[in-house]
Amino acid sequence: MKGDRVEVVIDSGEGGTRTYEVAATRAGRRVEITTGRGVVEVSEVTRTGSPVRTARFMASRVVALVEHPADSADSADGAAVK
């Protein structure tokens, strides 16, 4: 859903961390996370499941995966409710 995003924090190897973000940029797209064989893959996919963009990271370097779901109030009526 538009607004979904995932932040990936990785160990940069020089005593620090780097943060990458993958977001669903259009309506009907979503962000999926797959882990396997030492690789973490974060993909933005369409309604039909075809990937639009993909980020791959070595699992041993990933410090954190932070998922930020889209606000349901924003998607229901198109306006932010505060």
PDB file of N, CA and C in Angstrom:
ATOM      1  N   MET A   1       0.835  -1.160   0.000  1.00  0.00           N
ATOM      2  CA  MET A   1       0.000   0.000   0.000  1.00  0.00           C
ATOM      3  C   MET A   1       0.894   1.242   0.000  1.00  0.00           C
ATOM      4  N   LYS A   2       0.522   2.258  -0.729  1.00  0.00           N
ATOM      5  CA  LYS A   2       1.330   3.466  -0.811  1.00  0.00           C
ATOM      6  C   LYS A   2       1.569   4.007   0.596  1.00  0.00           C
ATOM      7  N   GLY A   3       2.817   4.332   0.878  1.00  0.00           N
ATOM      8  CA  GLY A   3       3.170   4.824   2.206  1.00  0.00           C
ATOM      9  C   GLY A   3       3.887   3.800   3.049  1.00  0.00           C
ATOM     10  N   ASP A   4       3.757   2.512   2.707  1.00  0.00           N
ATOM     11  CA  ASP A   4       4.525   1.482   3.407  1.00  0.00           C
ATOM     12  C   ASP A   4       6.001   1.723   3.142  1.00  0.00           C
ATOM     13  N   ARG A   5       6.823   1.535   4.162  1.00  0.00           N
ATOM     14  CA  ARG A   5       8.260   1.642   3.941  1.00  0.00           C
ATOM     15  C   ARG A   5       8.998   0.769   4.938  1.00  0.00           C
ATOM     16  N   VAL A   6      10.196   0.382   4.549  1.00  0.00           N
ATOM     17  CA  VAL A   6      11.052  -0.446   5.392  1.00  0.00           C
ATOM     18  C   VAL A   6      12.423   0.222   5.451  1.00  0.00           C
ATOM     19  N   GLU A   7      12.933   0.395   6.664  1.00  0.00           N
ATOM     20  CA  GLU A   7      14.286   0.902   6.860  1.00  0.00           C
ATOM     21  C   GLU A   7      15.187  -0.279   7.181  1.00  0.00           C
ATOM     22  N   VAL A   8      16.335  -0.344   6.525  1.00  0.00           N
ATOM     23  CA  VAL A   8      17.313  -1.389   6.775  1.00  0.00           C
ATOM     24  C   VAL A   8      18.571  -0.734   7.315  1.00  0.00           C
ATOM     25  N   VAL A   9      18.973  -1.122   8.524  1.00  0.00           N
ATOM     26  CA  VAL A   9      20.182  -0.586   9.139  1.00  0.00           C
ATOM     27  C   VAL A   9      21.250  -1.658   9.030  1.00  0.00           C
ATOM     28  N   ILE A  10      22.392  -1.320   8.409  1.00  0.00           N
ATOM     29  CA  ILE A  10      23.463  -2.301   8.237  1.00  0.00           C
ATOM     30  C   ILE A  10      24.750  -1.798   8.884  1.00  0.00           C
ATOM     31  N   ASP A  11      25.608  -2.746   9.245  1.00  0.00           N
ATOM     32  CA  ASP A  11      26.930  -2.451   9.774  1.00  0.00           C
ATOM     33  C   ASP A  11      27.824  -2.115   8.591  1.00  0.00           C
ATOM     34  N   SER A  12      28.390  -0.898   8.598  1.00  0.00           N
ATOM     35  CA  SER A  12      29.197  -0.470   7.453  1.00  0.00           C
ATOM     36  C   SER A  12      30.631  -0.979   7.511  1.00  0.00           C
ATOM     37  N   GLY A  13      31.025  -1.605   8.617  1.00  0.00           N
ATOM     38  CA  GLY A  13      32.354  -2.174   8.707  1.00  0.00           C
ATOM     39  C   GLY A  13      33.410  -1.220   9.200  1.00  0.00           C
ATOM     40  N   GLU A  14      33.112   0.027   9.316  1.00  0.00           N
ATOM     41  CA  GLU A  14      34.083   1.005   9.782  1.00  0.00           C
ATOM     42  C   GLU A  14      33.658   1.597  11.124  1.00  0.00           C
ATOM     43  N   GLY A  15      32.986   0.800  11.928  1.00  0.00           N
ATOM     44  CA  GLY A  15      32.560   1.246  13.241  1.00  0.00           C
ATOM     45  C   GLY A  15      31.259   2.011  13.250  1.00  0.00           C
ATOM     46  N   GLY A  16      30.582   2.088  12.137  1.00  0.00           N
ATOM     47  CA  GLY A  16      29.325   2.827  12.053  1.00  0.00           C
ATOM     48  C   GLY A  16      28.248   2.013  11.367  1.00  0.00           C
ATOM     49  N   THR A  17      27.114   2.639  11.174  1.00  0.00           N
ATOM     50  CA  THR A  17      26.005   1.990  10.480  1.00  0.00           C
ATOM     51  C   THR A  17      25.535   2.890   9.341  1.00  0.00           C
ATOM     52  N   ARG A  18      24.849   2.273   8.399  1.00  0.00           N
ATOM     53  CA  ARG A  18      24.219   3.000   7.298  1.00  0.00           C
ATOM     54  C   ARG A  18      22.761   2.586   7.262  1.00  0.00           C
ATOM     55  N   THR A  19      21.904   3.513   6.877  1.00  0.00           N
ATOM     56  CA  THR A  19      20.470   3.246   6.813  1.00  0.00           C
ATOM     57  C   THR A  19      19.988   3.388   5.373  1.00  0.00           C
ATOM     58  N   TYR A  20      19.247   2.399   4.919  1.00  0.00           N
ATOM     59  CA  TYR A  20      18.643   2.418   3.590  1.00  0.00           C
ATOM     60  C   TYR A  20      17.135   2.311   3.759  1.00  0.00           C
ATOM     61  N   GLU A  21      16.388   2.885   2.842  1.00  0.00           N
ATOM     62  CA  GLU A  21      14.938   2.867   2.925  1.00  0.00           C
ATOM     63  C   GLU A  21      14.351   2.437   1.586  1.00  0.00           C
ATOM     64  N   VAL A  22      13.385   1.512   1.654  1.00  0.00           N
ATOM     65  CA  VAL A  22      12.633   1.089   0.471  1.00  0.00           C
ATOM     66  C   VAL A  22      11.178   1.404   0.778  1.00  0.00           C
ATOM     67  N   ALA A  23      10.518   2.132  -0.117  1.00  0.00           N
ATOM     68  CA  ALA A  23       9.140   2.556   0.127  1.00  0.00           C
ATOM     69  C   ALA A  23       8.248   2.207  -1.052  1.00  0.00           C
ATOM     70  N   ALA A  24       6.958   2.005  -0.743  1.00  0.00           N
ATOM     71  CA  ALA A  24       5.955   1.805  -1.786  1.00  0.00           C
ATOM     72  C   ALA A  24       5.582   3.191  -2.296  1.00  0.00           C
ATOM     73  N   THR A  25       5.957   3.494  -3.538  1.00  0.00           N
ATOM     74  CA  THR A  25       5.834   4.860  -4.047  1.00  0.00           C
ATOM     75  C   THR A  25       4.514   5.166  -4.742  1.00  0.00           C
ATOM     76  N   ARG A  26       3.767   4.149  -5.129  1.00  0.00           N
ATOM     77  CA  ARG A  26       2.502   4.376  -5.821  1.00  0.00           C
ATOM     78  C   ARG A  26       1.400   3.550  -5.194  1.00  0.00           C
ATOM     79  N   ALA A  27       0.166   3.927  -5.474  1.00  0.00           N
ATOM     80  CA  ALA A  27      -0.978   3.194  -4.948  1.00  0.00           C
ATOM     81  C   ALA A  27      -0.986   1.776  -5.499  1.00  0.00           C
ATOM     82  N   GLY A  28      -1.288   0.820  -4.657  1.00  0.00           N
ATOM     83  CA  GLY A  28      -1.359  -0.572  -5.080  1.00  0.00           C
ATOM     84  C   GLY A  28      -0.059  -1.324  -4.931  1.00  0.00           C
ATOM     85  N   ARG A  29       1.017  -0.644  -4.614  1.00  0.00           N
ATOM     86  CA  ARG A  29       2.296  -1.318  -4.415  1.00  0.00           C
ATOM     87  C   ARG A  29       2.519  -1.585  -2.942  1.00  0.00           C
ATOM     88  N   ARG A  30       3.345  -2.581  -2.664  1.00  0.00           N
ATOM     89  CA  ARG A  30       3.653  -2.939  -1.284  1.00  0.00           C
ATOM     90  C   ARG A  30       5.129  -3.286  -1.174  1.00  0.00           C
ATOM     91  N   VAL A  31       5.610  -3.398   0.043  1.00  0.00           N
ATOM     92  CA  VAL A  31       7.008  -3.732   0.291  1.00  0.00           C
ATOM     93  C   VAL A  31       7.050  -5.111   0.938  1.00  0.00           C
ATOM     94  N   GLU A  32       7.859  -6.006   0.377  1.00  0.00           N
ATOM     95  CA  GLU A  32       7.998  -7.361   0.898  1.00  0.00           C
ATOM     96  C   GLU A  32       9.440  -7.610   1.319  1.00  0.00           C
ATOM     97  N   ILE A  33       9.606  -8.407   2.394  1.00  0.00           N
ATOM     98  CA  ILE A  33      10.927  -8.762   2.896  1.00  0.00           C
ATOM     99  C   ILE A  33      11.090 -10.268   2.779  1.00  0.00           C
ATOM    100  N   THR A  34      12.215 -10.700   2.216  1.00  0.00           N
ATOM    101  CA  THR A  34      12.525 -12.121   2.057  1.00  0.00           C
ATOM    102  C   THR A  34      13.916 -12.372   2.630  1.00  0.00           C
ATOM    103  N   THR A  35      14.047 -13.467   3.374  1.00  0.00           N
ATOM    104  CA  THR A  35      15.340 -13.843   3.933  1.00  0.00           C
ATOM    105  C   THR A  35      15.644 -15.276   3.526  1.00  0.00           C
ATOM    106  N   GLY A  36      16.854 -15.511   3.040  1.00  0.00           N
ATOM    107  CA  GLY A  36      17.245 -16.863   2.666  1.00  0.00           C
ATOM    108  C   GLY A  36      18.675 -16.927   2.195  1.00  0.00           C
ATOM    109  N   ARG A  37      19.357 -18.005   2.565  1.00  0.00           N
ATOM    110  CA  ARG A  37      20.739 -18.255   2.142  1.00  0.00           C
ATOM    111  C   ARG A  37      21.689 -17.100   2.429  1.00  0.00           C
ATOM    112  N   GLY A  38      21.516 -16.484   3.601  1.00  0.00           N
ATOM    113  CA  GLY A  38      22.432 -15.426   4.000  1.00  0.00           C
ATOM    114  C   GLY A  38      22.188 -14.082   3.348  1.00  0.00           C
ATOM    115  N   VAL A  39      21.032 -13.910   2.706  1.00  0.00           N
ATOM    116  CA  VAL A  39      20.717 -12.655   2.025  1.00  0.00           C
ATOM    117  C   VAL A  39      19.342 -12.166   2.487  1.00  0.00           C
ATOM    118  N   VAL A  40      19.253 -10.880   2.797  1.00  0.00           N
ATOM    119  CA  VAL A  40      17.977 -10.236   3.104  1.00  0.00           C
ATOM    120  C   VAL A  40      17.622  -9.391   1.892  1.00  0.00           C
ATOM    121  N   GLU A  41      16.419  -9.603   1.357  1.00  0.00           N
ATOM    122  CA  GLU A  41      15.975  -8.898   0.153  1.00  0.00           C
ATOM    123  C   GLU A  41      14.716  -8.108   0.478  1.00  0.00           C
ATOM    124  N   VAL A  42      14.735  -6.821   0.201  1.00  0.00           N
ATOM    125  CA  VAL A  42      13.586  -5.945   0.419  1.00  0.00           C
ATOM    126  C   VAL A  42      13.147  -5.445  -0.949  1.00  0.00           C
ATOM    127  N   SER A  43      11.884  -5.727  -1.320  1.00  0.00           N
ATOM    128  CA  SER A  43      11.408  -5.400  -2.665  1.00  0.00           C
ATOM    129  C   SER A  43      10.117  -4.602  -2.624  1.00  0.00           C
ATOM    130  N   GLU A  44      10.008  -3.657  -3.537  1.00  0.00           N
ATOM    131  CA  GLU A  44       8.734  -2.985  -3.794  1.00  0.00           C
ATOM    132  C   GLU A  44       8.084  -3.757  -4.933  1.00  0.00           C
ATOM    133  N   VAL A  45       6.874  -4.258  -4.716  1.00  0.00           N
ATOM    134  CA  VAL A  45       6.203  -5.071  -5.726  1.00  0.00           C
ATOM    135  C   VAL A  45       4.839  -4.490  -6.080  1.00  0.00           C
ATOM    136  N   THR A  46       4.379  -4.796  -7.296  1.00  0.00           N
ATOM    137  CA  THR A  46       3.077  -4.337  -7.772  1.00  0.00           C
ATOM    138  C   THR A  46       1.986  -5.259  -7.256  1.00  0.00           C
ATOM    139  N   ARG A  47       0.748  -4.955  -7.615  1.00  0.00           N
ATOM    140  CA  ARG A  47      -0.388  -5.798  -7.215  1.00  0.00           C
ATOM    141  C   ARG A  47      -0.247  -7.225  -7.723  1.00  0.00           C
ATOM    142  N   THR A  48       0.332  -7.377  -8.903  1.00  0.00           N
ATOM    143  CA  THR A  48       0.472  -8.706  -9.498  1.00  0.00           C
ATOM    144  C   THR A  48       1.672  -9.473  -8.964  1.00  0.00           C
ATOM    145  N   GLY A  49       2.522  -8.803  -8.175  1.00  0.00           N
ATOM    146  CA  GLY A  49       3.666  -9.477  -7.580  1.00  0.00           C
ATOM    147  C   GLY A  49       4.977  -9.316  -8.312  1.00  0.00           C
ATOM    148  N   SER A  50       4.993  -8.532  -9.381  1.00  0.00           N
ATOM    149  CA  SER A  50       6.255  -8.335 -10.092  1.00  0.00           C
ATOM    150  C   SER A  50       7.062  -7.225  -9.402  1.00  0.00           C
ATOM    151  N   PRO A  51       8.348  -7.471  -9.166  1.00  0.00           N
ATOM    152  CA  PRO A  51       9.166  -6.485  -8.439  1.00  0.00           C
ATOM    153  C   PRO A  51       9.467  -5.246  -9.274  1.00  0.00           C
ATOM    154  N   VAL A  52       9.423  -4.089  -8.617  1.00  0.00           N
ATOM    155  CA  VAL A  52       9.738  -2.822  -9.265  1.00  0.00           C
ATOM    156  C   VAL A  52      11.181  -2.454  -8.953  1.00  0.00           C
ATOM    157  N   ARG A  53      11.534  -2.518  -7.670  1.00  0.00           N
ATOM    158  CA  ARG A  53      12.925  -2.289  -7.256  1.00  0.00           C
ATOM    159  C   ARG A  53      13.232  -3.208  -6.095  1.00  0.00           C
ATOM    160  N   THR A  54      14.483  -3.610  -6.003  1.00  0.00           N
ATOM    161  CA  THR A  54      14.921  -4.565  -4.998  1.00  0.00           C
ATOM    162  C   THR A  54      16.242  -4.121  -4.391  1.00  0.00           C
ATOM    163  N   ALA A  55      16.359  -4.308  -3.080  1.00  0.00           N
ATOM    164  CA  ALA A  55      17.622  -4.049  -2.378  1.00  0.00           C
ATOM    165  C   ALA A  55      18.026  -5.346  -1.694  1.00  0.00           C
ATOM    166  N   ARG A  56      19.286  -5.753  -1.869  1.00  0.00           N
ATOM    167  CA  ARG A  56      19.787  -6.986  -1.262  1.00  0.00           C
ATOM    168  C   ARG A  56      20.936  -6.669  -0.318  1.00  0.00           C
ATOM    169  N   PHE A  57      20.932  -7.337   0.844  1.00  0.00           N
ATOM    170  CA  PHE A  57      21.959  -7.120   1.855  1.00  0.00           C
ATOM    171  C   PHE A  57      22.401  -8.471   2.404  1.00  0.00           C
ATOM    172  N   MET A  58      23.673  -8.562   2.789  1.00  0.00           N
ATOM    173  CA  MET A  58      24.162  -9.765   3.456  1.00  0.00           C
ATOM    174  C   MET A  58      23.531  -9.810   4.844  1.00  0.00           C
ATOM    175  N   ALA A  59      22.943 -10.953   5.206  1.00  0.00           N
ATOM    176  CA  ALA A  59      22.242 -11.079   6.480  1.00  0.00           C
ATOM    177  C   ALA A  59      23.162 -10.845   7.668  1.00  0.00           C
ATOM    178  N   SER A  60      24.436 -11.195   7.535  1.00  0.00           N
ATOM    179  CA  SER A  60      25.370 -11.008   8.639  1.00  0.00           C
ATOM    180  C   SER A  60      25.660  -9.531   8.915  1.00  0.00           C
ATOM    181  N   ARG A  61      25.379  -8.652   7.959  1.00  0.00           N
ATOM    182  CA  ARG A  61      25.617  -7.210   8.120  1.00  0.00           C
ATOM    183  C   ARG A  61      24.384  -6.453   8.590  1.00  0.00           C
ATOM    184  N   VAL A  62      23.194  -7.068   8.507  1.00  0.00           N
ATOM    185  CA  VAL A  62      21.954  -6.377   8.864  1.00  0.00           C
ATOM    186  C   VAL A  62      21.852  -6.276  10.384  1.00  0.00           C
ATOM    187  N   VAL A  63      21.722  -5.046  10.865  1.00  0.00           N
ATOM    188  CA  VAL A  63      21.565  -4.796  12.296  1.00  0.00           C
ATOM    189  C   VAL A  63      20.090  -4.754  12.656  1.00  0.00           C
ATOM    190  N   ALA A  64      19.261  -4.106  11.820  1.00  0.00           N
ATOM    191  CA  ALA A  64      17.837  -3.972  12.113  1.00  0.00           C
ATOM    192  C   ALA A  64      17.032  -3.802  10.835  1.00  0.00           C
ATOM    193  N   LEU A  65      15.811  -4.326  10.871  1.00  0.00           N
ATOM    194  CA  LEU A  65      14.807  -4.090   9.833  1.00  0.00           C
ATOM    195  C   LEU A  65      13.630  -3.423  10.537  1.00  0.00           C
ATOM    196  N   VAL A  66      13.286  -2.215  10.120  1.00  0.00           N
ATOM    197  CA  VAL A  66      12.201  -1.484  10.758  1.00  0.00           C
ATOM    198  C   VAL A  66      11.102  -1.281   9.728  1.00  0.00           C
ATOM    199  N   GLU A  67       9.925  -1.860   9.995  1.00  0.00           N
ATOM    200  CA  GLU A  67       8.794  -1.736   9.085  1.00  0.00           C
ATOM    201  C   GLU A  67       7.896  -0.598   9.553  1.00  0.00           C
ATOM    202  N   HIS A  68       7.532   0.284   8.627  1.00  0.00           N
ATOM    203  CA  HIS A  68       6.642   1.402   8.910  1.00  0.00           C
ATOM    204  C   HIS A  68       5.407   1.245   8.020  1.00  0.00           C
ATOM    205  N   PRO A  69       4.317   0.700   8.552  1.00  0.00           N
ATOM    206  CA  PRO A  69       3.114   0.563   7.720  1.00  0.00           C
ATOM    207  C   PRO A  69       2.470   1.925   7.458  1.00  0.00           C
ATOM    208  N   ALA A  70       1.742   2.025   6.368  1.00  0.00           N
ATOM    209  CA  ALA A  70       1.035   3.267   6.036  1.00  0.00           C
ATOM    210  C   ALA A  70      -0.105   3.452   7.026  1.00  0.00           C
ATOM    211  N   ASP A  71      -0.429   4.695   7.302  1.00  0.00           N
ATOM    212  CA  ASP A  71      -1.553   4.979   8.196  1.00  0.00           C
ATOM    213  C   ASP A  71      -2.849   4.593   7.514  1.00  0.00           C
ATOM    214  N   SER A  72      -3.698   3.852   8.208  1.00  0.00           N
ATOM    215  CA  SER A  72      -4.964   3.436   7.609  1.00  0.00           C
ATOM    216  C   SER A  72      -5.913   4.614   7.457  1.00  0.00           C
ATOM    217  N   ALA A  73      -5.798   5.634   8.306  1.00  0.00           N
ATOM    218  CA  ALA A  73      -6.652   6.816   8.183  1.00  0.00           C
ATOM    219  C   ALA A  73      -6.339   7.586   6.903  1.00  0.00           C
ATOM    220  N   ASP A  74      -5.057   7.638   6.523  1.00  0.00           N
ATOM    221  CA  ASP A  74      -4.671   8.343   5.300  1.00  0.00           C
ATOM    222  C   ASP A  74      -5.243   7.672   4.064  1.00  0.00           C
ATOM    223  N   SER A  75      -5.236   6.350   4.045  1.00  0.00           N
ATOM    224  CA  SER A  75      -5.695   5.637   2.854  1.00  0.00           C
ATOM    225  C   SER A  75      -7.205   5.566   2.770  1.00  0.00           C
ATOM    226  N   ALA A  76      -7.909   5.689   3.886  1.00  0.00           N
ATOM    227  CA  ALA A  76      -9.367   5.553   3.877  1.00  0.00           C
ATOM    228  C   ALA A  76     -10.055   6.748   3.222  1.00  0.00           C
ATOM    229  N   ASP A  77      -9.676   7.972   3.645  1.00  0.00           N
ATOM    230  CA  ASP A  77     -10.366   9.120   3.083  1.00  0.00           C
ATOM    231  C   ASP A  77      -9.448  10.132   2.418  1.00  0.00           C
ATOM    232  N   GLY A  78      -8.161   9.825   2.346  1.00  0.00           N
ATOM    233  CA  GLY A  78      -7.227  10.669   1.627  1.00  0.00           C
ATOM    234  C   GLY A  78      -6.714  11.861   2.398  1.00  0.00           C
ATOM    235  N   ALA A  79      -7.174  12.053   3.619  1.00  0.00           N
ATOM    236  CA  ALA A  79      -6.713  13.179   4.426  1.00  0.00           C
ATOM    237  C   ALA A  79      -6.178  12.680   5.761  1.00  0.00           C
ATOM    238  N   ALA A  80      -5.169  13.346   6.254  1.00  0.00           N
ATOM    239  CA  ALA A  80      -4.597  12.969   7.536  1.00  0.00           C
ATOM    240  C   ALA A  80      -5.493  13.451   8.663  1.00  0.00           C
ATOM    241  N   VAL A  81      -5.758  12.575   9.605  1.00  0.00           N
ATOM    242  CA  VAL A  81      -6.578  12.914  10.755  1.00  0.00           C
ATOM    243  C   VAL A  81      -5.675  13.045  11.956  1.00  0.00           C
ATOM    244  N   LYS A  82      -5.711  14.196  12.626  1.00  0.00           N
ATOM    245  CA  LYS A  82      -4.852  14.416  13.794  1.00  0.00           C
ATOM    246  C   LYS A  82      -5.652  14.794  14.995  1.00  0.00           C
TER     247      LYS A  82
END
